[in-house]
C-alpha atoms as a PDB file:
ATOM      1  CA  MET A   1      13.164 187.954   8.876  1.00  0.00           C
ATOM      2  CA  LYS A   2      10.774 188.877  10.951  1.00  0.00           C
ATOM      3  CA  LYS A   3       7.084 190.065   9.223  1.00  0.00           C
ATOM      4  CA  GLU A   4       6.367 193.981  11.127  1.00  0.00           C
ATOM      5  CA  LEU A   5       3.235 193.599  13.207  1.00  0.00           C
ATOM      6  CA  THR A   6       0.199 195.803  12.654  1.00  0.00           C
ATOM      7  CA  ARG A   7      -0.721 196.654  16.682  1.00  0.00           C
ATOM      8  CA  ASN A   8       0.559 200.606  17.807  1.00  0.00           C
ATOM      9  CA  PHE A   9       3.734 201.326  18.173  1.00  0.00           C
ATOM     10  CA  SER A  10       4.521 202.864  21.813  1.00  0.00           C
ATOM     11  CA  GLU A  11       8.626 204.146  22.026  1.00  0.00           C
ATOM     12  CA  VAL A  12      10.850 202.469  23.930  1.00  0.00           C
ATOM     13  CA  THR A  13      13.152 204.806  26.552  1.00  0.00           C
ATOM     14  CA  GLU A  14      14.898 202.126  28.104  1.00  0.00           C
ATOM     15  CA  PHE A  15      15.304 198.870  27.873  1.00  0.00           C
ATOM     16  CA  ILE A  16      15.980 195.803  30.486  1.00  0.00           C
ATOM     17  CA  LEU A  17      18.784 193.197  30.739  1.00  0.00           C
ATOM     18  CA  LEU A  18      17.485 190.457  31.982  1.00  0.00           C
ATOM     19  CA  GLY A  19      21.349 189.207  31.919  1.00  0.00           C
ATOM     20  CA  PHE A  20      21.988 186.014  33.300  1.00  0.00           C
ATOM     21  CA  ARG A  21      18.379 185.118  35.148  1.00  0.00           C
ATOM     22  CA  THR A  22      18.960 182.536  38.022  1.00  0.00           C
ATOM     23  CA  ARG A  23      18.761 182.338  41.872  1.00  0.00           C
ATOM     24  CA  PRO A  24      19.322 185.983  43.796  1.00  0.00           C
ATOM     25  CA  GLU A  25      22.512 183.296  45.324  1.00  0.00           C
ATOM     26  CA  ILE A  26      23.932 183.044  42.171  1.00  0.00           C
ATOM     27  CA  GLN A  27      23.313 186.030  41.180  1.00  0.00           C
ATOM     28  CA  ILE A  28      25.837 187.151  44.447  1.00  0.00           C
ATOM     29  CA  LEU A  29      27.839 184.382  43.461  1.00  0.00           C
ATOM     30  CA  LEU A  30      28.534 185.850  39.640  1.00  0.00           C
ATOM     31  CA  PHE A  31      28.408 189.100  40.793  1.00  0.00           C
ATOM     32  CA  PHE A  32      32.128 188.140  42.743  1.00  0.00           C
ATOM     33  CA  VAL A  33      33.273 186.093  39.609  1.00  0.00           C
ATOM     34  CA  PHE A  34      33.273 189.211  37.637  1.00  0.00           C
ATOM     35  CA  LEU A  35      34.032 191.311  39.744  1.00  0.00           C
ATOM     36  CA  LEU A  36      37.336 189.324  40.193  1.00  0.00           C
ATOM     37  CA  ASN A  37      37.829 189.001  36.634  1.00  0.00           C
ATOM     38  CA  TYR A  38      37.025 192.515  36.194  1.00  0.00           C
ATOM     39  CA  ILE A  39      39.393 193.460  38.778  1.00  0.00           C
ATOM     40  CA  LEU A  40      42.297 191.311  37.181  1.00  0.00           C
ATOM     41  CA  ILE A  41      42.283 192.744  33.579  1.00  0.00           C
ATOM     42  CA  LEU A  42      42.919 195.651  35.306  1.00  0.00           C
ATOM     43  CA  VAL A  43      45.729 194.942  36.816  1.00  0.00           C
ATOM     44  CA  GLY A  44      46.914 193.111  34.094  1.00  0.00           C
ATOM     45  CA  ASN A  45      46.266 195.109  31.121  1.00  0.00           C
ATOM     46  CA  ILE A  46      47.691 198.388  33.254  1.00  0.00           C
ATOM     47  CA  SER A  47      50.252 196.604  34.366  1.00  0.00           C
ATOM     48  CA  MET A  48      51.426 195.582  30.173  1.00  0.00           C
ATOM     49  CA  VAL A  49      51.178 199.247  28.977  1.00  0.00           C
ATOM     50  CA  ILE A  50      52.856 200.084  32.658  1.00  0.00           C
ATOM     51  CA  VAL A  51      56.141 198.073  31.689  1.00  0.00           C
ATOM     52  CA  ILE A  52      56.299 198.814  27.913  1.00  0.00           C
ATOM     53  CA  LYS A  53      56.080 202.735  28.813  1.00  0.00           C
ATOM     54  CA  VAL A  54      58.195 202.773  31.715  1.00  0.00           C
ATOM     55  CA  ASP A  55      61.653 199.945  30.140  1.00  0.00           C
ATOM     56  CA  SER A  56      63.395 201.254  27.056  1.00  0.00           C
ATOM     57  CA  ARG A  57      64.250 198.096  25.917  1.00  0.00           C
ATOM     58  CA  LEU A  58      60.259 197.983  25.255  1.00  0.00           C
ATOM     59  CA  HIS A  59      60.138 200.833  22.570  1.00  0.00           C
ATOM     60  CA  THR A  60      60.356 198.844  19.796  1.00  0.00           C
ATOM     61  CA  PRO A  61      56.806 198.640  17.333  1.00  0.00           C
ATOM     62  CA  MET A  62      55.962 195.168  18.321  1.00  0.00           C
ATOM     63  CA  TYR A  63      55.215 196.516  21.724  1.00  0.00           C
ATOM     64  CA  PHE A  64      54.158 199.559  20.564  1.00  0.00           C
ATOM     65  CA  PHE A  65      51.286 197.603  19.289  1.00  0.00           C
ATOM     66  CA  LEU A  66      50.950 194.797  22.409  1.00  0.00           C
ATOM     67  CA  ARG A  67      50.788 198.186  24.585  1.00  0.00           C
ATOM     68  CA  ASN A  68      47.865 199.379  22.676  1.00  0.00           C
ATOM     69  CA  LEU A  69      46.255 196.326  22.389  1.00  0.00           C
ATOM     70  CA  SER A  70      46.175 196.322  26.590  1.00  0.00           C
ATOM     71  CA  CYS A  71      44.413 199.440  26.485  1.00  0.00           C
ATOM     72  CA  LEU A  72      41.529 198.638  24.332  1.00  0.00           C
ATOM     73  CA  ASP A  73      41.160 195.654  26.028  1.00  0.00           C
ATOM     74  CA  ILE A  74      40.890 197.648  29.456  1.00  0.00           C
ATOM     75  CA  CYS A  75      37.804 199.895  26.977  1.00  0.00           C
ATOM     76  CA  TYR A  76      35.904 197.487  26.123  1.00  0.00           C
ATOM     77  CA  SER A  77      35.686 195.084  28.992  1.00  0.00           C
ATOM     78  CA  THR A  78      34.885 198.667  30.886  1.00  0.00           C
ATOM     79  CA  VAL A  79      32.280 199.624  28.866  1.00  0.00           C
ATOM     80  CA  ILE A  80      30.556 196.355  29.325  1.00  0.00           C
ATOM     81  CA  ALA A  81      31.759 194.976  32.903  1.00  0.00           C
ATOM     82  CA  PRO A  82      30.265 198.224  35.403  1.00  0.00           C
ATOM     83  CA  LYS A  83      26.921 198.045  34.228  1.00  0.00           C
ATOM     84  CA  THR A  84      26.933 193.982  34.157  1.00  0.00           C
ATOM     85  CA  LEU A  85      28.426 194.082  38.207  1.00  0.00           C
ATOM     86  CA  ALA A  86      25.512 196.772  38.337  1.00  0.00           C
ATOM     87  CA  ASN A  87      22.507 194.508  37.424  1.00  0.00           C
ATOM     88  CA  PHE A  88      23.604 191.446  39.530  1.00  0.00           C
ATOM     89  CA  MET A  89      22.612 193.975  42.217  1.00  0.00           C
ATOM     90  CA  SER A  90      20.149 195.362  41.762  1.00  0.00           C
ATOM     91  CA  ASN A  91      16.342 193.916  40.835  1.00  0.00           C
ATOM     92  CA  GLU A  92      15.458 196.754  37.984  1.00  0.00           C
ATOM     93  CA  LYS A  93      18.553 195.957  35.119  1.00  0.00           C
ATOM     94  CA  LYS A  94      17.319 199.217  33.394  1.00  0.00           C
ATOM     95  CA  ILE A  95      19.592 201.045  31.300  1.00  0.00           C
ATOM     96  CA  SER A  96      17.994 204.072  28.773  1.00  0.00           C
ATOM     97  CA  TYR A  97      17.462 203.526  25.481  1.00  0.00           C
ATOM     98  CA  ASN A  98      21.024 206.056  25.153  1.00  0.00           C
ATOM     99  CA  CYS A  99      22.687 204.814  26.795  1.00  0.00           C
ATOM    100  CA  CYS A 100      22.468 201.388  25.622  1.00  0.00           C
ATOM    101  CA  ALA A 101      22.899 202.610  22.231  1.00  0.00           C
ATOM    102  CA  ALA A 102      26.414 204.104  24.198  1.00  0.00           C
ATOM    103  CA  GLN A 103      27.918 201.055  25.016  1.00  0.00           C
ATOM    104  CA  PHE A 104      26.896 198.902  22.006  1.00  0.00           C
ATOM    105  CA  PHE A 105      28.240 201.659  19.531  1.00  0.00           C
ATOM    106  CA  PHE A 106      32.145 202.367  21.610  1.00  0.00           C
ATOM    107  CA  PHE A 107      31.871 198.574  22.365  1.00  0.00           C
ATOM    108  CA  ALA A 108      31.800 197.794  18.797  1.00  0.00           C
ATOM    109  CA  VAL A 109      34.293 200.771  17.776  1.00  0.00           C
ATOM    110  CA  PHE A 110      37.109 198.560  20.312  1.00  0.00           C
ATOM    111  CA  ALA A 111      36.067 195.180  19.241  1.00  0.00           C
ATOM    112  CA  THR A 112      35.850 195.609  15.847  1.00  0.00           C
ATOM    113  CA  THR A 113      39.409 197.689  15.831  1.00  0.00           C
ATOM    114  CA  GLU A 114      40.888 195.122  17.822  1.00  0.00           C
ATOM    115  CA  CYS A 115      40.925 193.025  14.977  1.00  0.00           C
ATOM    116  CA  PHE A 116      41.927 195.312  12.395  1.00  0.00           C
ATOM    117  CA  LEU A 117      45.269 195.505  15.068  1.00  0.00           C
ATOM    118  CA  LEU A 118      45.552 191.822  15.970  1.00  0.00           C
ATOM    119  CA  ALA A 119      46.379 191.778  11.438  1.00  0.00           C
ATOM    120  CA  VAL A 120      48.107 195.232  12.279  1.00  0.00           C
ATOM    121  CA  MET A 121      50.590 192.939  14.351  1.00  0.00           C
ATOM    122  CA  ALA A 122      50.909 189.830  12.253  1.00  0.00           C
ATOM    123  CA  PHE A 123      52.238 192.327   9.734  1.00  0.00           C
ATOM    124  CA  ASP A 124      54.735 193.718  12.027  1.00  0.00           C
ATOM    125  CA  ARG A 125      55.624 190.324  12.829  1.00  0.00           C
ATOM    126  CA  PHE A 126      55.963 189.729   9.300  1.00  0.00           C
ATOM    127  CA  SER A 127      57.661 192.819   8.646  1.00  0.00           C
ATOM    128  CA  ALA A 128      60.558 191.704  11.370  1.00  0.00           C
ATOM    129  CA  ILE A 129      61.731 188.238  10.558  1.00  0.00           C
ATOM    130  CA  CYS A 130      60.896 187.822   6.776  1.00  0.00           C
ATOM    131  CA  SER A 131      62.591 191.590   5.809  1.00  0.00           C
ATOM    132  CA  PRO A 132      65.022 192.286   9.082  1.00  0.00           C
ATOM    133  CA  LEU A 133      67.403 194.907   7.199  1.00  0.00           C
ATOM    134  CA  LEU A 134      64.288 197.216   6.199  1.00  0.00           C
ATOM    135  CA  TYR A 135      62.047 196.355   9.005  1.00  0.00           C
ATOM    136  CA  PRO A 136      62.732 199.844  10.949  1.00  0.00           C
ATOM    137  CA  ILE A 137      61.731 201.363   7.345  1.00  0.00           C
ATOM    138  CA  HIS A 138      58.579 199.703   6.790  1.00  0.00           C
ATOM    139  CA  MET A 139      58.348 199.412  10.997  1.00  0.00           C
ATOM    140  CA  SER A 140      59.210 203.704  11.411  1.00  0.00           C
ATOM    141  CA  GLN A 141      57.215 205.242  14.922  1.00  0.00           C
ATOM    142  CA  LYS A 142      54.744 207.092  11.681  1.00  0.00           C
ATOM    143  CA  VAL A 143      53.639 203.537   9.849  1.00  0.00           C
ATOM    144  CA  CYS A 144      52.780 202.496  13.450  1.00  0.00           C
ATOM    145  CA  VAL A 145      50.592 205.806  14.240  1.00  0.00           C
ATOM    146  CA  ARG A 146      49.141 205.534  11.136  1.00  0.00           C
ATOM    147  CA  LEU A 147      47.985 201.823  11.378  1.00  0.00           C
ATOM    148  CA  VAL A 148      46.636 202.717  14.376  1.00  0.00           C
ATOM    149  CA  THR A 149      45.055 204.895  13.787  1.00  0.00           C
ATOM    150  CA  GLY A 150      43.495 203.722  11.042  1.00  0.00           C
ATOM    151  CA  SER A 151      42.559 200.524  13.236  1.00  0.00           C
ATOM    152  CA  TYR A 152      40.457 202.808  14.902  1.00  0.00           C
ATOM    153  CA  ILE A 153      39.434 204.322  12.251  1.00  0.00           C
ATOM    154  CA  CYS A 154      37.882 201.184  10.496  1.00  0.00           C
ATOM    155  CA  GLY A 155      36.434 200.052  14.793  1.00  0.00           C
ATOM    156  CA  GLY A 156      34.769 203.447  14.065  1.00  0.00           C
ATOM    157  CA  ILE A 157      32.915 203.265  10.561  1.00  0.00           C
ATOM    158  CA  THR A 158      31.937 199.367  11.431  1.00  0.00           C
ATOM    159  CA  ALA A 159      30.511 200.941  15.066  1.00  0.00           C
ATOM    160  CA  ILE A 160      28.921 204.012  13.140  1.00  0.00           C
ATOM    161  CA  VAL A 161      26.901 202.206  10.735  1.00  0.00           C
ATOM    162  CA  HIS A 162      26.197 198.960  13.520  1.00  0.00           C
ATOM    163  CA  THR A 163      24.518 201.542  16.039  1.00  0.00           C
ATOM    164  CA  GLY A 164      22.831 203.713  13.612  1.00  0.00           C
ATOM    165  CA  LEU A 165      21.122 200.575  11.738  1.00  0.00           C
ATOM    166  CA  THR A 166      20.140 198.972  15.087  1.00  0.00           C
ATOM    167  CA  PHE A 167      18.603 201.510  16.490  1.00  0.00           C
ATOM    168  CA  SER A 168      16.228 203.061  13.509  1.00  0.00           C
ATOM    169  CA  LEU A 169      14.905 199.785  14.689  1.00  0.00           C
ATOM    170  CA  ARG A 170      11.387 200.147  16.498  1.00  0.00           C
ATOM    171  CA  PHE A 171      11.109 198.267  19.686  1.00  0.00           C
ATOM    172  CA  CYS A 172       7.159 198.467  20.311  1.00  0.00           C
ATOM    173  CA  GLU A 173       6.810 197.732  24.229  1.00  0.00           C
ATOM    174  CA  GLU A 174       9.156 194.541  24.184  1.00  0.00           C
ATOM    175  CA  ASN A 175      11.963 196.287  25.774  1.00  0.00           C
ATOM    176  CA  ARG A 176      13.853 192.913  27.631  1.00  0.00           C
ATOM    177  CA  LEU A 177      16.807 191.712  26.409  1.00  0.00           C
ATOM    178  CA  ASP A 178      17.797 188.186  26.879  1.00  0.00           C
ATOM    179  CA  HIS A 179      20.988 189.431  27.528  1.00  0.00           C
ATOM    180  CA  PHE A 180      24.238 191.144  29.965  1.00  0.00           C
ATOM    181  CA  PHE A 181      24.433 193.880  27.771  1.00  0.00           C
ATOM    182  CA  CYS A 182      23.554 196.087  24.061  1.00  0.00           C
ATOM    183  CA  ASP A 183      24.529 194.340  21.149  1.00  0.00           C
ATOM    184  CA  VAL A 184      23.152 193.467  17.253  1.00  0.00           C
ATOM    185  CA  PRO A 185      21.719 190.103  17.980  1.00  0.00           C
ATOM    186  CA  ALA A 186      19.647 190.625  21.512  1.00  0.00           C
ATOM    187  CA  LEU A 187      18.467 194.387  20.108  1.00  0.00           C
ATOM    188  CA  ILE A 188      17.324 192.850  16.649  1.00  0.00           C
ATOM    189  CA  GLU A 189      15.543 189.620  18.129  1.00  0.00           C
ATOM    190  CA  ILE A 190      12.866 191.986  20.156  1.00  0.00           C
ATOM    191  CA  SER A 191      12.335 194.235  17.401  1.00  0.00           C
ATOM    192  CA  CYS A 192       8.255 194.239  16.207  1.00  0.00           C
ATOM    193  CA  VAL A 193       9.347 195.152  12.599  1.00  0.00           C
ATOM    194  CA  ASP A 194      11.586 193.731   9.236  1.00  0.00           C
ATOM    195  CA  THR A 195      15.448 193.059  10.369  1.00  0.00           C
ATOM    196  CA  PHE A 196      15.591 191.702   7.892  1.00  0.00           C
ATOM    197  CA  VAL A 197      18.304 194.078   6.232  1.00  0.00           C
ATOM    198  CA  ASN A 198      19.980 194.535   9.498  1.00  0.00           C
ATOM    199  CA  GLU A 199      20.519 190.589   9.833  1.00  0.00           C
ATOM    200  CA  ILE A 200      22.750 190.591   6.586  1.00  0.00           C
ATOM    201  CA  VAL A 201      24.525 193.655   7.158  1.00  0.00           C
ATOM    202  CA  LEU A 202      25.362 192.500  10.464  1.00  0.00           C
ATOM    203  CA  PHE A 203      26.428 188.648   8.819  1.00  0.00           C
ATOM    204  CA  VAL A 204      27.979 190.949   5.816  1.00  0.00           C
ATOM    205  CA  VAL A 205      29.712 193.656   7.773  1.00  0.00           C
ATOM    206  CA  SER A 206      31.071 190.853  10.444  1.00  0.00           C
ATOM    207  CA  SER A 207      32.572 188.351   7.736  1.00  0.00           C
ATOM    208  CA  PHE A 208      34.358 191.161   5.534  1.00  0.00           C
ATOM    209  CA  ILE A 209      35.918 192.207   8.683  1.00  0.00           C
ATOM    210  CA  ILE A 210      36.809 188.537  10.311  1.00  0.00           C
ATOM    211  CA  ILE A 211      37.716 187.209   6.615  1.00  0.00           C
ATOM    212  CA  SER A 212      39.782 190.391   5.647  1.00  0.00           C
ATOM    213  CA  THR A 213      41.742 190.377   8.998  1.00  0.00           C
ATOM    214  CA  THR A 214      42.118 186.627   9.205  1.00  0.00           C
ATOM    215  CA  MET A 215      43.780 186.331   5.360  1.00  0.00           C
ATOM    216  CA  ALA A 216      46.117 189.396   6.702  1.00  0.00           C
ATOM    217  CA  ILE A 217      46.705 186.805   9.563  1.00  0.00           C
ATOM    218  CA  LEU A 218      47.158 183.597   7.286  1.00  0.00           C
ATOM    219  CA  ILE A 219      49.320 185.176   4.239  1.00  0.00           C
ATOM    220  CA  SER A 220      51.508 187.153   7.058  1.00  0.00           C
ATOM    221  CA  TYR A 221      52.426 183.753   8.481  1.00  0.00           C
ATOM    222  CA  ALA A 222      52.900 182.155   5.581  1.00  0.00           C
ATOM    223  CA  TYR A 223      55.459 184.274   5.035  1.00  0.00           C
ATOM    224  CA  ILE A 224      56.850 183.771   7.819  1.00  0.00           C
ATOM    225  CA  LEU A 225      56.222 180.179   8.535  1.00  0.00           C
ATOM    226  CA  SER A 226      58.171 179.992   4.776  1.00  0.00           C
ATOM    227  CA  THR A 227      61.531 182.072   5.611  1.00  0.00           C
ATOM    228  CA  VAL A 228      61.760 180.223   9.287  1.00  0.00           C
ATOM    229  CA  LEU A 229      61.799 176.644   7.678  1.00  0.00           C
ATOM    230  CA  LYS A 230      65.109 178.161   5.922  1.00  0.00           C
ATOM    231  CA  ILE A 231      67.167 178.260   9.016  1.00  0.00           C
ATOM    232  CA  PRO A 232      69.478 175.557   8.840  1.00  0.00           C
ATOM    233  CA  SER A 233      69.741 175.584  12.468  1.00  0.00           C
ATOM    234  CA  THR A 234      66.404 174.112  14.851  1.00  0.00           C
ATOM    235  CA  GLN A 235      67.827 176.538  17.863  1.00  0.00           C
ATOM    236  CA  GLY A 236      67.473 179.587  15.205  1.00  0.00           C
ATOM    237  CA  ARG A 237      63.379 178.218  13.891  1.00  0.00           C
ATOM    238  CA  LYS A 238      62.497 178.216  17.604  1.00  0.00           C
ATOM    239  CA  LYS A 239      63.628 181.307  18.618  1.00  0.00           C
ATOM    240  CA  THR A 240      62.850 183.034  15.221  1.00  0.00           C
ATOM    241  CA  PHE A 241      59.109 181.817  15.439  1.00  0.00           C
ATOM    242  CA  SER A 242      58.475 182.193  19.025  1.00  0.00           C
ATOM    243  CA  THR A 243      58.558 185.904  18.794  1.00  0.00           C
ATOM    244  CA  CYS A 244      54.489 184.649  16.925  1.00  0.00           C
ATOM    245  CA  GLY A 245      53.672 182.482  19.810  1.00  0.00           C
ATOM    246  CA  SER A 246      51.590 184.772  21.957  1.00  0.00           C
ATOM    247  CA  HIS A 247      50.066 186.933  18.901  1.00  0.00           C
ATOM    248  CA  ILE A 248      48.941 182.670  16.696  1.00  0.00           C
ATOM    249  CA  ALA A 249      47.640 182.075  20.148  1.00  0.00           C
ATOM    250  CA  VAL A 250      45.665 185.513  21.112  1.00  0.00           C
ATOM    251  CA  VAL A 251      43.666 185.708  17.906  1.00  0.00           C
ATOM    252  CA  SER A 252      43.039 181.888  17.760  1.00  0.00           C
ATOM    253  CA  LEU A 253      40.865 182.819  21.139  1.00  0.00           C
ATOM    254  CA  PHE A 254      39.678 186.928  20.371  1.00  0.00           C
ATOM    255  CA  TYR A 255      38.597 185.374  16.257  1.00  0.00           C
ATOM    256  CA  GLY A 256      36.839 182.224  17.100  1.00  0.00           C
ATOM    257  CA  THR A 257      34.649 183.215  19.529  1.00  0.00           C
ATOM    258  CA  ILE A 258      34.095 186.827  16.925  1.00  0.00           C
ATOM    259  CA  PHE A 259      33.063 184.311  14.536  1.00  0.00           C
ATOM    260  CA  PHE A 260      30.502 182.387  16.515  1.00  0.00           C
ATOM    261  CA  MET A 261      28.650 185.470  17.647  1.00  0.00           C
ATOM    262  CA  TYR A 262      28.558 187.544  14.227  1.00  0.00           C
ATOM    263  CA  ALA A 263      29.619 185.987  11.554  1.00  0.00           C
ATOM    264  CA  GLN A 264      27.610 182.872  11.101  1.00  0.00           C
ATOM    265  CA  PRO A 265      23.784 182.281   9.974  1.00  0.00           C
ATOM    266  CA  GLY A 266      21.397 182.331  13.303  1.00  0.00           C
ATOM    267  CA  ALA A 267      23.872 183.232  15.667  1.00  0.00           C
ATOM    268  CA  MET A 268      20.421 185.188  16.760  1.00  0.00           C
ATOM    269  CA  SER A 269      18.620 181.926  17.860  1.00  0.00           C
ATOM    270  CA  ALA A 270      20.827 180.546  21.039  1.00  0.00           C
ATOM    271  CA  PRO A 271      20.481 183.379  23.794  1.00  0.00           C
ATOM    272  CA  GLN A 272      22.239 181.277  26.424  1.00  0.00           C
ATOM    273  CA  GLN A 273      24.920 180.096  24.113  1.00  0.00           C
ATOM    274  CA  THR A 274      25.422 183.333  23.010  1.00  0.00           C
ATOM    275  CA  LYS A 275      25.311 184.985  26.546  1.00  0.00           C
ATOM    276  CA  ILE A 276      28.421 182.328  27.567  1.00  0.00           C
ATOM    277  CA  VAL A 277      30.459 182.578  24.302  1.00  0.00           C
ATOM    278  CA  SER A 278      30.348 186.878  25.069  1.00  0.00           C
ATOM    279  CA  VAL A 279      32.097 186.559  28.877  1.00  0.00           C
ATOM    280  CA  PHE A 280      34.366 184.942  27.635  1.00  0.00           C
ATOM    281  CA  TYR A 281      35.397 187.163  25.017  1.00  0.00           C
ATOM    282  CA  THR A 282      34.174 189.973  26.571  1.00  0.00           C
ATOM    283  CA  LEU A 283      35.573 189.605  29.896  1.00  0.00           C
ATOM    284  CA  VAL A 284      37.755 185.780  29.529  1.00  0.00           C
ATOM    285  CA  ILE A 285      39.792 187.077  26.481  1.00  0.00           C
ATOM    286  CA  PRO A 286      41.058 190.892  28.051  1.00  0.00           C
ATOM    287  CA  MET A 287      42.490 188.609  31.017  1.00  0.00           C
ATOM    288  CA  LEU A 288      44.110 186.250  29.362  1.00  0.00           C
ATOM    289  CA  ASN A 289      46.051 188.526  27.319  1.00  0.00           C
ATOM    290  CA  PRO A 290      48.048 189.829  29.309  1.00  0.00           C
ATOM    291  CA  ILE A 291      49.068 186.376  31.590  1.00  0.00           C
ATOM    292  CA  ILE A 292      49.502 184.888  27.445  1.00  0.00           C
ATOM    293  CA  TYR A 293      51.970 188.219  26.694  1.00  0.00           C
ATOM    294  CA  THR A 294      53.936 187.608  30.472  1.00  0.00           C
ATOM    295  CA  LEU A 295      54.401 184.228  30.329  1.00  0.00           C
ATOM    296  CA  ARG A 296      55.381 183.370  26.595  1.00  0.00           C
ATOM    297  CA  ASN A 297      57.355 186.704  26.175  1.00  0.00           C
ATOM    298  CA  ARG A 298      60.770 186.880  28.169  1.00  0.00           C
ATOM    299  CA  ASP A 299      61.559 190.440  27.446  1.00  0.00           C
ATOM    300  CA  VAL A 300      58.281 191.131  29.590  1.00  0.00           C
ATOM    301  CA  LYS A 301      58.821 188.374  32.263  1.00  0.00           C
ATOM    302  CA  ASP A 302      62.381 190.344  32.528  1.00  0.00           C
ATOM    303  CA  ALA A 303      61.710 193.798  32.260  1.00  0.00           C
ATOM    304  CA  MET A 304      59.133 193.008  34.904  1.00  0.00           C
ATOM    305  CA  LYS A 305      61.472 191.199  36.989  1.00  0.00           C
ATOM    306  CA  LYS A 306      63.151 193.878  37.005  1.00  0.00           C
ATOM    307  CA  ILE A 307      61.084 196.819  37.758  1.00  0.00           C
ATOM    308  CA  LEU A 308      60.272 195.352  40.404  1.00  0.00           C
ATOM    309  CA  CYS A 309      63.772 194.586  41.863  1.00  0.00           C
ATOM    310  CA  ASP A 310      64.395 197.991  41.509  1.00  0.00           C
ATOM    311  CA  LYS A 311      60.932 199.160  43.423  1.00  0.00           C
ATOM    312  CA  LEU A 312      62.461 196.418  46.332  1.00  0.00           C
ATOM    313  CA  TYR A 313      66.032 198.375  46.571  1.00  0.00           C
ATOM    314  CA  SER A 314      64.783 201.723  46.165  1.00  0.00           C
ATOM    315  CA  ASP A 315      62.152 201.063  48.995  1.00  0.00           C
END
């Protein structure tokens, strides 16, 4: 919590994203590393969306949610990556006040929506494994669309709250953000007014989202585990639980980094560490998600092989 400064306020019209403060040659290297990472995000997730769309065998609730997950990964990495890449090759590294607010708002929408979507995907696996006969009813197309829409609504409400509170702060003469994109902790850090309410809201809202969605995931998997253990054959247990492996891996990566960033006191006290973790959940995880779901999912691999073979034979 800060004490409000007594100096005169001056309106900030732009911010400077300090990003990774390294030598120019390292900046060029980082540019190509981030560019390669972003290309892999686009190629991997767009491929996933196309494969699920084209192969009729993947027109199921699980892959409907997976397609939406890939779209979210494309969206929230695109909110961050282009500006970050441009700043690596620029000396000014400026972003206007309005663009900063827009960048944070859309990032918060997509990242928060992904939290809820991962919980929805756990519920989908619970319904498929624990209530297979009622699964077509529980997870009808209408229900799936409503669940995804609800995830976006929750993401939107959260983004409106955080964006409204954060950009109602005053920033005086200080406009240098020790980050590579506009994020709440970095913006709160440079504010020259009391940020106690903002910090409490950030902690409470983030904790509520993480705890509620994590509990939904844990309860779903507790029932799944109980059902799987009742299957008499080892092969049957392995086959049933294998459909959950990819989701567990993605959830562990995403929630671990999100918790580190937003749901612990003192999350703003180590900017260099924060930037590294931010790179992981904004650019690395969206790249890994399609790889995880491809390597651990036989249906997706078979669908990709079929599309490639059809393409080769048609040529």
